[in-house]
Amino acid sequence: MYEITLKKGGVDKEFKKDFINVEDNLLAIEHQVRQSALFGDDKRRLESKAHRKLNESYLQMFVDMYAGQFTVDDLKQSDMSVLNTLNDLYIAALGGEQEEEQAEKKEQ
């Protein structure tokens, strides 16, 4: 489960995502394609505006994954722990495993 807490109207509100669905996977793959295209383009790779647009689309992806319950601006105002949780969600949506899970499997 992916839980985040955001301030909405000055009040902390919790948002939960119980599982990753196919649409989440599609959104994550689409973002990965945009990211690869930017980093693969020698001319645009160092353009700050291009990176800002990519980062905003990354945040929009999470708004879409949580069915529009909050906005990109809500995410921009959150603390870094929210971004860490969303990064974990992104990796999982791509089919990846977290480092802790990988370490546990190696120990077994």
PDB file of N, CA and C in Angstrom:
ATOM      1  N   MET A   1       0.842  -1.173   0.000  1.00  0.00           N
ATOM      2  CA  MET A   1       0.000   0.000   0.000  1.00  0.00           C
ATOM      3  C   MET A   1       0.890   1.240   0.000  1.00  0.00           C
ATOM      4  N   TYR A   2       0.462   2.235  -0.735  1.00  0.00           N
ATOM      5  CA  TYR A   2       1.206   3.486  -0.840  1.00  0.00           C
ATOM      6  C   TYR A   2       0.360   4.596  -0.227  1.00  0.00           C
ATOM      7  N   GLU A   3       0.777   5.065   0.940  1.00  0.00           N
ATOM      8  CA  GLU A   3       0.048   6.101   1.668  1.00  0.00           C
ATOM      9  C   GLU A   3       0.857   7.390   1.673  1.00  0.00           C
ATOM     10  N   ILE A   4       0.179   8.480   1.368  1.00  0.00           N
ATOM     11  CA  ILE A   4       0.813   9.796   1.450  1.00  0.00           C
ATOM     12  C   ILE A   4      -0.128  10.735   2.204  1.00  0.00           C
ATOM     13  N   THR A   5       0.454  11.735   2.840  1.00  0.00           N
ATOM     14  CA  THR A   5      -0.330  12.742   3.547  1.00  0.00           C
ATOM     15  C   THR A   5      -0.003  14.110   2.959  1.00  0.00           C
ATOM     16  N   LEU A   6      -1.047  14.805   2.526  1.00  0.00           N
ATOM     17  CA  LEU A   6      -0.903  16.133   1.933  1.00  0.00           C
ATOM     18  C   LEU A   6      -1.788  17.116   2.679  1.00  0.00           C
ATOM     19  N   LYS A   7      -1.367  18.364   2.687  1.00  0.00           N
ATOM     20  CA  LYS A   7      -2.208  19.421   3.265  1.00  0.00           C
ATOM     21  C   LYS A   7      -3.176  19.905   2.189  1.00  0.00           C
ATOM     22  N   LYS A   8      -4.458  19.813   2.494  1.00  0.00           N
ATOM     23  CA  LYS A   8      -5.508  20.308   1.601  1.00  0.00           C
ATOM     24  C   LYS A   8      -6.337  21.287   2.410  1.00  0.00           C
ATOM     25  N   GLY A   9      -6.295  22.551   2.043  1.00  0.00           N
ATOM     26  CA  GLY A   9      -7.032  23.562   2.788  1.00  0.00           C
ATOM     27  C   GLY A   9      -6.548  23.714   4.215  1.00  0.00           C
ATOM     28  N   GLY A  10      -5.250  23.505   4.427  1.00  0.00           N
ATOM     29  CA  GLY A  10      -4.667  23.644   5.758  1.00  0.00           C
ATOM     30  C   GLY A  10      -4.855  22.441   6.659  1.00  0.00           C
ATOM     31  N   VAL A  11      -5.488  21.392   6.144  1.00  0.00           N
ATOM     32  CA  VAL A  11      -5.748  20.191   6.935  1.00  0.00           C
ATOM     33  C   VAL A  11      -5.003  19.013   6.310  1.00  0.00           C
ATOM     34  N   ASP A  12      -4.329  18.216   7.150  1.00  0.00           N
ATOM     35  CA  ASP A  12      -3.663  17.016   6.652  1.00  0.00           C
ATOM     36  C   ASP A  12      -4.705  16.012   6.178  1.00  0.00           C
ATOM     37  N   LYS A  13      -4.509  15.501   4.980  1.00  0.00           N
ATOM     38  CA  LYS A  13      -5.418  14.508   4.427  1.00  0.00           C
ATOM     39  C   LYS A  13      -4.587  13.349   3.908  1.00  0.00           C
ATOM     40  N   GLU A  14      -5.010  12.133   4.233  1.00  0.00           N
ATOM     41  CA  GLU A  14      -4.278  10.934   3.838  1.00  0.00           C
ATOM     42  C   GLU A  14      -4.897  10.342   2.577  1.00  0.00           C
ATOM     43  N   PHE A  15      -4.025   9.921   1.674  1.00  0.00           N
ATOM     44  CA  PHE A  15      -4.440   9.282   0.433  1.00  0.00           C
ATOM     45  C   PHE A  15      -3.767   7.919   0.368  1.00  0.00           C
ATOM     46  N   LYS A  16      -4.542   6.897   0.010  1.00  0.00           N
ATOM     47  CA  LYS A  16      -4.023   5.529  -0.027  1.00  0.00           C
ATOM     48  C   LYS A  16      -4.215   4.929  -1.411  1.00  0.00           C
ATOM     49  N   LYS A  17      -3.232   4.161  -1.798  1.00  0.00           N
ATOM     50  CA  LYS A  17      -3.317   3.387  -3.036  1.00  0.00           C
ATOM     51  C   LYS A  17      -3.030   1.945  -2.646  1.00  0.00           C
ATOM     52  N   ASP A  18      -4.053   1.102  -2.718  1.00  0.00           N
ATOM     53  CA  ASP A  18      -3.941  -0.267  -2.227  1.00  0.00           C
ATOM     54  C   ASP A  18      -3.133  -1.179  -3.140  1.00  0.00           C
ATOM     55  N   PHE A  19      -3.212  -0.950  -4.430  1.00  0.00           N
ATOM     56  CA  PHE A  19      -2.505  -1.819  -5.370  1.00  0.00           C
ATOM     57  C   PHE A  19      -2.189  -1.045  -6.644  1.00  0.00           C
ATOM     58  N   ILE A  20      -1.306  -1.612  -7.421  1.00  0.00           N
ATOM     59  CA  ILE A  20      -0.913  -1.014  -8.696  1.00  0.00           C
ATOM     60  C   ILE A  20      -1.708  -1.709  -9.790  1.00  0.00           C
ATOM     61  N   ASN A  21      -2.404  -0.920 -10.593  1.00  0.00           N
ATOM     62  CA  ASN A  21      -3.189  -1.521 -11.666  1.00  0.00           C
ATOM     63  C   ASN A  21      -2.480  -1.344 -13.015  1.00  0.00           C
ATOM     64  N   VAL A  22      -3.084  -1.880 -14.039  1.00  0.00           N
ATOM     65  CA  VAL A  22      -2.486  -1.838 -15.376  1.00  0.00           C
ATOM     66  C   VAL A  22      -2.319  -0.395 -15.854  1.00  0.00           C
ATOM     67  N   GLU A  23      -3.292   0.452 -15.571  1.00  0.00           N
ATOM     68  CA  GLU A  23      -3.190   1.859 -15.983  1.00  0.00           C
ATOM     69  C   GLU A  23      -1.977   2.527 -15.346  1.00  0.00           C
ATOM     70  N   ASP A  24      -1.691   2.196 -14.083  1.00  0.00           N
ATOM     71  CA  ASP A  24      -0.509   2.744 -13.411  1.00  0.00           C
ATOM     72  C   ASP A  24       0.760   2.331 -14.149  1.00  0.00           C
ATOM     73  N   ASN A  25       0.797   1.075 -14.575  1.00  0.00           N
ATOM     74  CA  ASN A  25       1.947   0.581 -15.327  1.00  0.00           C
ATOM     75  C   ASN A  25       2.098   1.338 -16.639  1.00  0.00           C
ATOM     76  N   LEU A  26       0.989   1.561 -17.324  1.00  0.00           N
ATOM     77  CA  LEU A  26       1.037   2.295 -18.593  1.00  0.00           C
ATOM     78  C   LEU A  26       1.516   3.726 -18.387  1.00  0.00           C
ATOM     79  N   LEU A  27       1.023   4.380 -17.343  1.00  0.00           N
ATOM     80  CA  LEU A  27       1.460   5.749 -17.045  1.00  0.00           C
ATOM     81  C   LEU A  27       2.957   5.799 -16.747  1.00  0.00           C
ATOM     82  N   ALA A  28       3.441   4.826 -15.983  1.00  0.00           N
ATOM     83  CA  ALA A  28       4.863   4.789 -15.627  1.00  0.00           C
ATOM     84  C   ALA A  28       5.731   4.546 -16.859  1.00  0.00           C
ATOM     85  N   ILE A  29       5.290   3.655 -17.720  1.00  0.00           N
ATOM     86  CA  ILE A  29       6.054   3.378 -18.941  1.00  0.00           C
ATOM     87  C   ILE A  29       6.082   4.609 -19.847  1.00  0.00           C
ATOM     88  N   GLU A  30       4.945   5.286 -19.968  1.00  0.00           N
ATOM     89  CA  GLU A  30       4.908   6.506 -20.779  1.00  0.00           C
ATOM     90  C   GLU A  30       5.876   7.553 -20.237  1.00  0.00           C
ATOM     91  N   HIS A  31       5.937   7.678 -18.918  1.00  0.00           N
ATOM     92  CA  HIS A  31       6.873   8.649 -18.343  1.00  0.00           C
ATOM     93  C   HIS A  31       8.317   8.224 -18.617  1.00  0.00           C
ATOM     94  N   GLN A  32       8.582   6.937 -18.502  1.00  0.00           N
ATOM     95  CA  GLN A  32       9.935   6.449 -18.750  1.00  0.00           C
ATOM     96  C   GLN A  32      10.354   6.730 -20.194  1.00  0.00           C
ATOM     97  N   VAL A  33       9.438   6.600 -21.122  1.00  0.00           N
ATOM     98  CA  VAL A  33       9.725   6.898 -22.531  1.00  0.00           C
ATOM     99  C   VAL A  33      10.061   8.381 -22.697  1.00  0.00           C
ATOM    100  N   ARG A  34       9.260   9.258 -22.058  1.00  0.00           N
ATOM    101  CA  ARG A  34       9.550  10.705 -22.132  1.00  0.00           C
ATOM    102  C   ARG A  34      10.917  11.014 -21.533  1.00  0.00           C
ATOM    103  N   GLN A  35      11.217  10.371 -20.418  1.00  0.00           N
ATOM    104  CA  GLN A  35      12.500  10.593 -19.742  1.00  0.00           C
ATOM    105  C   GLN A  35      13.660  10.130 -20.626  1.00  0.00           C
ATOM    106  N   SER A  36      13.527   8.962 -21.209  1.00  0.00           N
ATOM    107  CA  SER A  36      14.577   8.440 -22.090  1.00  0.00           C
ATOM    108  C   SER A  36      14.779   9.339 -23.303  1.00  0.00           C
ATOM    109  N   ALA A  37      13.686   9.848 -23.847  1.00  0.00           N
ATOM    110  CA  ALA A  37      13.786  10.739 -25.008  1.00  0.00           C
ATOM    111  C   ALA A  37      14.540  12.013 -24.648  1.00  0.00           C
ATOM    112  N   LEU A  38      14.268  12.565 -23.479  1.00  0.00           N
ATOM    113  CA  LEU A  38      14.952  13.796 -23.068  1.00  0.00           C
ATOM    114  C   LEU A  38      16.441  13.549 -22.852  1.00  0.00           C
ATOM    115  N   PHE A  39      16.766  12.502 -22.112  1.00  0.00           N
ATOM    116  CA  PHE A  39      18.173  12.244 -21.821  1.00  0.00           C
ATOM    117  C   PHE A  39      18.940  11.747 -23.041  1.00  0.00           C
ATOM    118  N   GLY A  40      18.226  11.227 -24.030  1.00  0.00           N
ATOM    119  CA  GLY A  40      18.868  10.772 -25.252  1.00  0.00           C
ATOM    120  C   GLY A  40      19.067  11.873 -26.282  1.00  0.00           C
ATOM    121  N   ASP A  41      18.519  13.044 -26.030  1.00  0.00           N
ATOM    122  CA  ASP A  41      18.608  14.175 -26.955  1.00  0.00           C
ATOM    123  C   ASP A  41      19.722  15.112 -26.487  1.00  0.00           C
ATOM    124  N   ASP A  42      20.836  15.104 -27.211  1.00  0.00           N
ATOM    125  CA  ASP A  42      21.995  15.912 -26.809  1.00  0.00           C
ATOM    126  C   ASP A  42      21.676  17.403 -26.710  1.00  0.00           C
ATOM    127  N   LYS A  43      20.767  17.891 -27.532  1.00  0.00           N
ATOM    128  CA  LYS A  43      20.445  19.320 -27.518  1.00  0.00           C
ATOM    129  C   LYS A  43      19.570  19.691 -26.322  1.00  0.00           C
ATOM    130  N   ARG A  44      18.627  18.844 -25.967  1.00  0.00           N
ATOM    131  CA  ARG A  44      17.668  19.176 -24.908  1.00  0.00           C
ATOM    132  C   ARG A  44      18.094  18.692 -23.523  1.00  0.00           C
ATOM    133  N   ARG A  45      19.077  17.838 -23.462  1.00  0.00           N
ATOM    134  CA  ARG A  45      19.479  17.217 -22.198  1.00  0.00           C
ATOM    135  C   ARG A  45      19.799  18.233 -21.102  1.00  0.00           C
ATOM    136  N   LEU A  46      20.355  19.366 -21.465  1.00  0.00           N
ATOM    137  CA  LEU A  46      20.758  20.366 -20.476  1.00  0.00           C
ATOM    138  C   LEU A  46      19.798  21.556 -20.379  1.00  0.00           C
ATOM    139  N   GLU A  47      18.659  21.491 -21.051  1.00  0.00           N
ATOM    140  CA  GLU A  47      17.683  22.583 -21.005  1.00  0.00           C
ATOM    141  C   GLU A  47      16.854  22.488 -19.729  1.00  0.00           C
ATOM    142  N   SER A  48      16.941  23.497 -18.897  1.00  0.00           N
ATOM    143  CA  SER A  48      16.207  23.467 -17.625  1.00  0.00           C
ATOM    144  C   SER A  48      14.690  23.444 -17.833  1.00  0.00           C
ATOM    145  N   LYS A  49      14.206  24.127 -18.864  1.00  0.00           N
ATOM    146  CA  LYS A  49      12.760  24.135 -19.122  1.00  0.00           C
ATOM    147  C   LYS A  49      12.258  22.746 -19.508  1.00  0.00           C
ATOM    148  N   ALA A  50      13.059  22.022 -20.259  1.00  0.00           N
ATOM    149  CA  ALA A  50      12.665  20.666 -20.646  1.00  0.00           C
ATOM    150  C   ALA A  50      12.611  19.755 -19.421  1.00  0.00           C
ATOM    151  N   HIS A  51      13.554  19.932 -18.516  1.00  0.00           N
ATOM    152  CA  HIS A  51      13.553  19.123 -17.292  1.00  0.00           C
ATOM    153  C   HIS A  51      12.386  19.492 -16.385  1.00  0.00           C
ATOM    154  N   ARG A  52      12.072  20.767 -16.320  1.00  0.00           N
ATOM    155  CA  ARG A  52      10.935  21.211 -15.503  1.00  0.00           C
ATOM    156  C   ARG A  52       9.643  20.591 -16.033  1.00  0.00           C
ATOM    157  N   LYS A  53       9.492  20.601 -17.359  1.00  0.00           N
ATOM    158  CA  LYS A  53       8.300  20.011 -17.976  1.00  0.00           C
ATOM    159  C   LYS A  53       8.232  18.512 -17.679  1.00  0.00           C
ATOM    160  N   LEU A  54       9.360  17.835 -17.762  1.00  0.00           N
ATOM    161  CA  LEU A  54       9.412  16.404 -17.465  1.00  0.00           C
ATOM    162  C   LEU A  54       9.052  16.141 -16.004  1.00  0.00           C
ATOM    163  N   ASN A  55       9.595  16.938 -15.102  1.00  0.00           N
ATOM    164  CA  ASN A  55       9.309  16.761 -13.676  1.00  0.00           C
ATOM    165  C   ASN A  55       7.839  17.028 -13.362  1.00  0.00           C
ATOM    166  N   GLU A  56       7.267  18.012 -14.010  1.00  0.00           N
ATOM    167  CA  GLU A  56       5.843  18.297 -13.797  1.00  0.00           C
ATOM    168  C   GLU A  56       4.982  17.157 -14.336  1.00  0.00           C
ATOM    169  N   SER A  57       5.395  16.562 -15.442  1.00  0.00           N
ATOM    170  CA  SER A  57       4.633  15.423 -15.972  1.00  0.00           C
ATOM    171  C   SER A  57       4.772  14.209 -15.047  1.00  0.00           C
ATOM    172  N   TYR A  58       5.911  14.114 -14.361  1.00  0.00           N
ATOM    173  CA  TYR A  58       6.116  13.047 -13.369  1.00  0.00           C
ATOM    174  C   TYR A  58       5.108  13.207 -12.229  1.00  0.00           C
ATOM    175  N   LEU A  59       4.961  14.418 -11.739  1.00  0.00           N
ATOM    176  CA  LEU A  59       3.986  14.668 -10.671  1.00  0.00           C
ATOM    177  C   LEU A  59       2.556  14.451 -11.164  1.00  0.00           C
ATOM    178  N   GLN A  60       2.271  14.858 -12.392  1.00  0.00           N
ATOM    179  CA  GLN A  60       0.933  14.649 -12.954  1.00  0.00           C
ATOM    180  C   GLN A  60       0.606  13.163 -13.043  1.00  0.00           C
ATOM    181  N   MET A  61       1.610  12.346 -13.326  1.00  0.00           N
ATOM    182  CA  MET A  61       1.405  10.904 -13.383  1.00  0.00           C
ATOM    183  C   MET A  61       0.833  10.398 -12.056  1.00  0.00           C
ATOM    184  N   PHE A  62       1.351  10.912 -10.937  1.00  0.00           N
ATOM    185  CA  PHE A  62       0.859  10.471  -9.634  1.00  0.00           C
ATOM    186  C   PHE A  62      -0.546  10.997  -9.355  1.00  0.00           C
ATOM    187  N   VAL A  63      -0.820  12.204  -9.798  1.00  0.00           N
ATOM    188  CA  VAL A  63      -2.188  12.723  -9.675  1.00  0.00           C
ATOM    189  C   VAL A  63      -3.142  11.773 -10.397  1.00  0.00           C
ATOM    190  N   ASP A  64      -2.754  11.322 -11.587  1.00  0.00           N
ATOM    191  CA  ASP A  64      -3.577  10.390 -12.354  1.00  0.00           C
ATOM    192  C   ASP A  64      -3.680   9.032 -11.660  1.00  0.00           C
ATOM    193  N   MET A  65      -2.584   8.552 -11.088  1.00  0.00           N
ATOM    194  CA  MET A  65      -2.601   7.258 -10.392  1.00  0.00           C
ATOM    195  C   MET A  65      -3.536   7.273  -9.181  1.00  0.00           C
ATOM    196  N   TYR A  66      -3.645   8.422  -8.547  1.00  0.00           N
ATOM    197  CA  TYR A  66      -4.538   8.564  -7.391  1.00  0.00           C
ATOM    198  C   TYR A  66      -5.896   9.147  -7.810  1.00  0.00           C
ATOM    199  N   ALA A  67      -6.222   9.023  -9.085  1.00  0.00           N
ATOM    200  CA  ALA A  67      -7.532   9.398  -9.633  1.00  0.00           C
ATOM    201  C   ALA A  67      -7.909  10.856  -9.361  1.00  0.00           C
ATOM    202  N   GLY A  68      -6.932  11.751  -9.439  1.00  0.00           N
ATOM    203  CA  GLY A  68      -7.205  13.180  -9.340  1.00  0.00           C
ATOM    204  C   GLY A  68      -7.681  13.662  -7.982  1.00  0.00           C
ATOM    205  N   GLN A  69      -7.340  12.934  -6.927  1.00  0.00           N
ATOM    206  CA  GLN A  69      -7.775  13.328  -5.582  1.00  0.00           C
ATOM    207  C   GLN A  69      -7.026  14.551  -5.056  1.00  0.00           C
ATOM    208  N   PHE A  70      -5.925  14.902  -5.707  1.00  0.00           N
ATOM    209  CA  PHE A  70      -5.125  16.073  -5.341  1.00  0.00           C
ATOM    210  C   PHE A  70      -4.522  16.630  -6.617  1.00  0.00           C
ATOM    211  N   THR A  71      -3.798  17.723  -6.514  1.00  0.00           N
ATOM    212  CA  THR A  71      -3.252  18.388  -7.699  1.00  0.00           C
ATOM    213  C   THR A  71      -1.720  18.341  -7.695  1.00  0.00           C
ATOM    214  N   VAL A  72      -1.160  18.707  -8.825  1.00  0.00           N
ATOM    215  CA  VAL A  72       0.295  18.827  -8.929  1.00  0.00           C
ATOM    216  C   VAL A  72       0.791  19.857  -7.919  1.00  0.00           C
ATOM    217  N   ASP A  73       0.067  20.954  -7.776  1.00  0.00           N
ATOM    218  CA  ASP A  73       0.466  21.978  -6.803  1.00  0.00           C
ATOM    219  C   ASP A  73       0.460  21.436  -5.377  1.00  0.00           C
ATOM    220  N   ASP A  74      -0.507  20.572  -5.049  1.00  0.00           N
ATOM    221  CA  ASP A  74      -0.513  19.943  -3.721  1.00  0.00           C
ATOM    222  C   ASP A  74       0.769  19.139  -3.515  1.00  0.00           C
ATOM    223  N   LEU A  75       1.186  18.419  -4.544  1.00  0.00           N
ATOM    224  CA  LEU A  75       2.415  17.622  -4.438  1.00  0.00           C
ATOM    225  C   LEU A  75       3.644  18.511  -4.312  1.00  0.00           C
ATOM    226  N   LYS A  76       3.663  19.611  -5.036  1.00  0.00           N
ATOM    227  CA  LYS A  76       4.813  20.522  -4.973  1.00  0.00           C
ATOM    228  C   LYS A  76       5.000  21.097  -3.573  1.00  0.00           C
ATOM    229  N   GLN A  77       3.920  21.234  -2.824  1.00  0.00           N
ATOM    230  CA  GLN A  77       3.989  21.810  -1.481  1.00  0.00           C
ATOM    231  C   GLN A  77       4.238  20.764  -0.398  1.00  0.00           C
ATOM    232  N   SER A  78       4.309  19.496  -0.770  1.00  0.00           N
ATOM    233  CA  SER A  78       4.477  18.432   0.229  1.00  0.00           C
ATOM    234  C   SER A  78       5.940  18.287   0.639  1.00  0.00           C
ATOM    235  N   ASP A  79       6.155  17.533   1.722  1.00  0.00           N
ATOM    236  CA  ASP A  79       7.537  17.304   2.149  1.00  0.00           C
ATOM    237  C   ASP A  79       8.143  16.151   1.348  1.00  0.00           C
ATOM    238  N   MET A  80       9.433  15.992   1.473  1.00  0.00           N
ATOM    239  CA  MET A  80      10.170  15.024   0.655  1.00  0.00           C
ATOM    240  C   MET A  80       9.777  13.574   0.939  1.00  0.00           C
ATOM    241  N   SER A  81       9.234  13.282   2.106  1.00  0.00           N
ATOM    242  CA  SER A  81       8.822  11.906   2.391  1.00  0.00           C
ATOM    243  C   SER A  81       7.724  11.463   1.424  1.00  0.00           C
ATOM    244  N   VAL A  82       6.888  12.401   0.999  1.00  0.00           N
ATOM    245  CA  VAL A  82       5.848  12.089   0.019  1.00  0.00           C
ATOM    246  C   VAL A  82       6.495  11.708  -1.306  1.00  0.00           C
ATOM    247  N   LEU A  83       7.485  12.465  -1.725  1.00  0.00           N
ATOM    248  CA  LEU A  83       8.171  12.158  -2.978  1.00  0.00           C
ATOM    249  C   LEU A  83       8.862  10.804  -2.904  1.00  0.00           C
ATOM    250  N   ASN A  84       9.446  10.473  -1.764  1.00  0.00           N
ATOM    251  CA  ASN A  84      10.085   9.163  -1.609  1.00  0.00           C
ATOM    252  C   ASN A  84       9.071   8.038  -1.791  1.00  0.00           C
ATOM    253  N   THR A  85       7.899   8.187  -1.205  1.00  0.00           N
ATOM    254  CA  THR A  85       6.846   7.180  -1.365  1.00  0.00           C
ATOM    255  C   THR A  85       6.407   7.088  -2.819  1.00  0.00           C
ATOM    256  N   LEU A  86       6.249   8.228  -3.470  1.00  0.00           N
ATOM    257  CA  LEU A  86       5.831   8.229  -4.871  1.00  0.00           C
ATOM    258  C   LEU A  86       6.905   7.637  -5.778  1.00  0.00           C
ATOM    259  N   ASN A  87       8.167   7.867  -5.461  1.00  0.00           N
ATOM    260  CA  ASN A  87       9.250   7.246  -6.229  1.00  0.00           C
ATOM    261  C   ASN A  87       9.178   5.726  -6.116  1.00  0.00           C
ATOM    262  N   ASP A  88       8.884   5.228  -4.907  1.00  0.00           N
ATOM    263  CA  ASP A  88       8.719   3.782  -4.714  1.00  0.00           C
ATOM    264  C   ASP A  88       7.548   3.259  -5.546  1.00  0.00           C
ATOM    265  N   LEU A  89       6.467   4.012  -5.574  1.00  0.00           N
ATOM    266  CA  LEU A  89       5.302   3.638  -6.377  1.00  0.00           C
ATOM    267  C   LEU A  89       5.670   3.579  -7.854  1.00  0.00           C
ATOM    268  N   TYR A  90       6.423   4.546  -8.320  1.00  0.00           N
ATOM    269  CA  TYR A  90       6.847   4.581  -9.723  1.00  0.00           C
ATOM    270  C   TYR A  90       7.660   3.337 -10.077  1.00  0.00           C
ATOM    271  N   ILE A  91       8.618   3.004  -9.240  1.00  0.00           N
ATOM    272  CA  ILE A  91       9.452   1.824  -9.493  1.00  0.00           C
ATOM    273  C   ILE A  91       8.595   0.565  -9.519  1.00  0.00           C
ATOM    274  N   ALA A  92       7.690   0.450  -8.565  1.00  0.00           N
ATOM    275  CA  ALA A  92       6.816  -0.725  -8.514  1.00  0.00           C
ATOM    276  C   ALA A  92       5.894  -0.778  -9.731  1.00  0.00           C
ATOM    277  N   ALA A  93       5.403   0.366 -10.177  1.00  0.00           N
ATOM    278  CA  ALA A  93       4.518   0.406 -11.342  1.00  0.00           C
ATOM    279  C   ALA A  93       5.244  -0.030 -12.609  1.00  0.00           C
ATOM    280  N   LEU A  94       6.554   0.164 -12.625  1.00  0.00           N
ATOM    281  CA  LEU A  94       7.357  -0.304 -13.764  1.00  0.00           C
ATOM    282  C   LEU A  94       7.678  -1.790 -13.658  1.00  0.00           C
ATOM    283  N   GLY A  95       7.312  -2.397 -12.532  1.00  0.00           N
ATOM    284  CA  GLY A  95       7.584  -3.815 -12.330  1.00  0.00           C
ATOM    285  C   GLY A  95       8.864  -4.065 -11.575  1.00  0.00           C
ATOM    286  N   GLY A  96       9.470  -3.015 -11.033  1.00  0.00           N
ATOM    287  CA  GLY A  96      10.716  -3.156 -10.285  1.00  0.00           C
ATOM    288  C   GLY A  96      10.464  -3.517  -8.836  1.00  0.00           C
ATOM    289  N   GLU A  97      11.526  -3.911  -8.174  1.00  0.00           N
ATOM    290  CA  GLU A  97      11.456  -4.246  -6.759  1.00  0.00           C
ATOM    291  C   GLU A  97      12.269  -3.240  -5.973  1.00  0.00           C
ATOM    292  N   GLN A  98      11.879  -3.014  -4.745  1.00  0.00           N
ATOM    293  CA  GLN A  98      12.617  -2.125  -3.864  1.00  0.00           C
ATOM    294  C   GLN A  98      13.887  -2.822  -3.390  1.00  0.00           C
ATOM    295  N   GLU A  99      14.902  -2.041  -3.053  1.00  0.00           N
ATOM    296  CA  GLU A  99      16.181  -2.593  -2.619  1.00  0.00           C
ATOM    297  C   GLU A  99      16.025  -3.481  -1.396  1.00  0.00           C
ATOM    298  N   GLU A 100      15.165  -3.108  -0.449  1.00  0.00           N
ATOM    299  CA  GLU A 100      14.956  -3.908   0.753  1.00  0.00           C
ATOM    300  C   GLU A 100      14.400  -5.275   0.396  1.00  0.00           C
ATOM    301  N   GLU A 101      13.432  -5.312  -0.522  1.00  0.00           N
ATOM    302  CA  GLU A 101      12.850  -6.576  -0.941  1.00  0.00           C
ATOM    303  C   GLU A 101      13.899  -7.447  -1.615  1.00  0.00           C
ATOM    304  N   GLN A 102      14.756  -6.846  -2.421  1.00  0.00           N
ATOM    305  CA  GLN A 102      15.807  -7.598  -3.094  1.00  0.00           C
ATOM    306  C   GLN A 102      16.788  -8.165  -2.083  1.00  0.00           C
ATOM    307  N   ALA A 103      17.153  -7.382  -1.069  1.00  0.00           N
ATOM    308  CA  ALA A 103      18.083  -7.841  -0.042  1.00  0.00           C
ATOM    309  C   ALA A 103      17.482  -8.993   0.747  1.00  0.00           C
ATOM    310  N   GLU A 104      16.195  -8.911   1.061  1.00  0.00           N
ATOM    311  CA  GLU A 104      15.530  -9.984   1.799  1.00  0.00           C
ATOM    312  C   GLU A 104      15.531 -11.272   0.996  1.00  0.00           C
ATOM    313  N   LYS A 105      15.302 -11.188  -0.299  1.00  0.00           N
ATOM    314  CA  LYS A 105      15.292 -12.374  -1.145  1.00  0.00           C
ATOM    315  C   LYS A 105      16.673 -13.015  -1.207  1.00  0.00           C
ATOM    316  N   LYS A 106      17.727 -12.183  -1.230  1.00  0.00           N
ATOM    317  CA  LYS A 106      19.090 -12.709  -1.269  1.00  0.00           C
ATOM    318  C   LYS A 106      19.435 -13.442   0.017  1.00  0.00           C
ATOM    319  N   GLU A 107      18.913 -12.936   1.156  1.00  0.00           N
ATOM    320  CA  GLU A 107      19.194 -13.552   2.445  1.00  0.00           C
ATOM    321  C   GLU A 107      18.519 -14.905   2.577  1.00  0.00           C
ATOM    322  N   GLN A 108      17.404 -15.101   1.896  1.00  0.00           N
ATOM    323  CA  GLN A 108      16.645 -16.351   2.018  1.00  0.00           C
ATOM    324  C   GLN A 108      17.238 -17.396   1.178  1.00  0.00           C
TER     325      GLN A 108
END
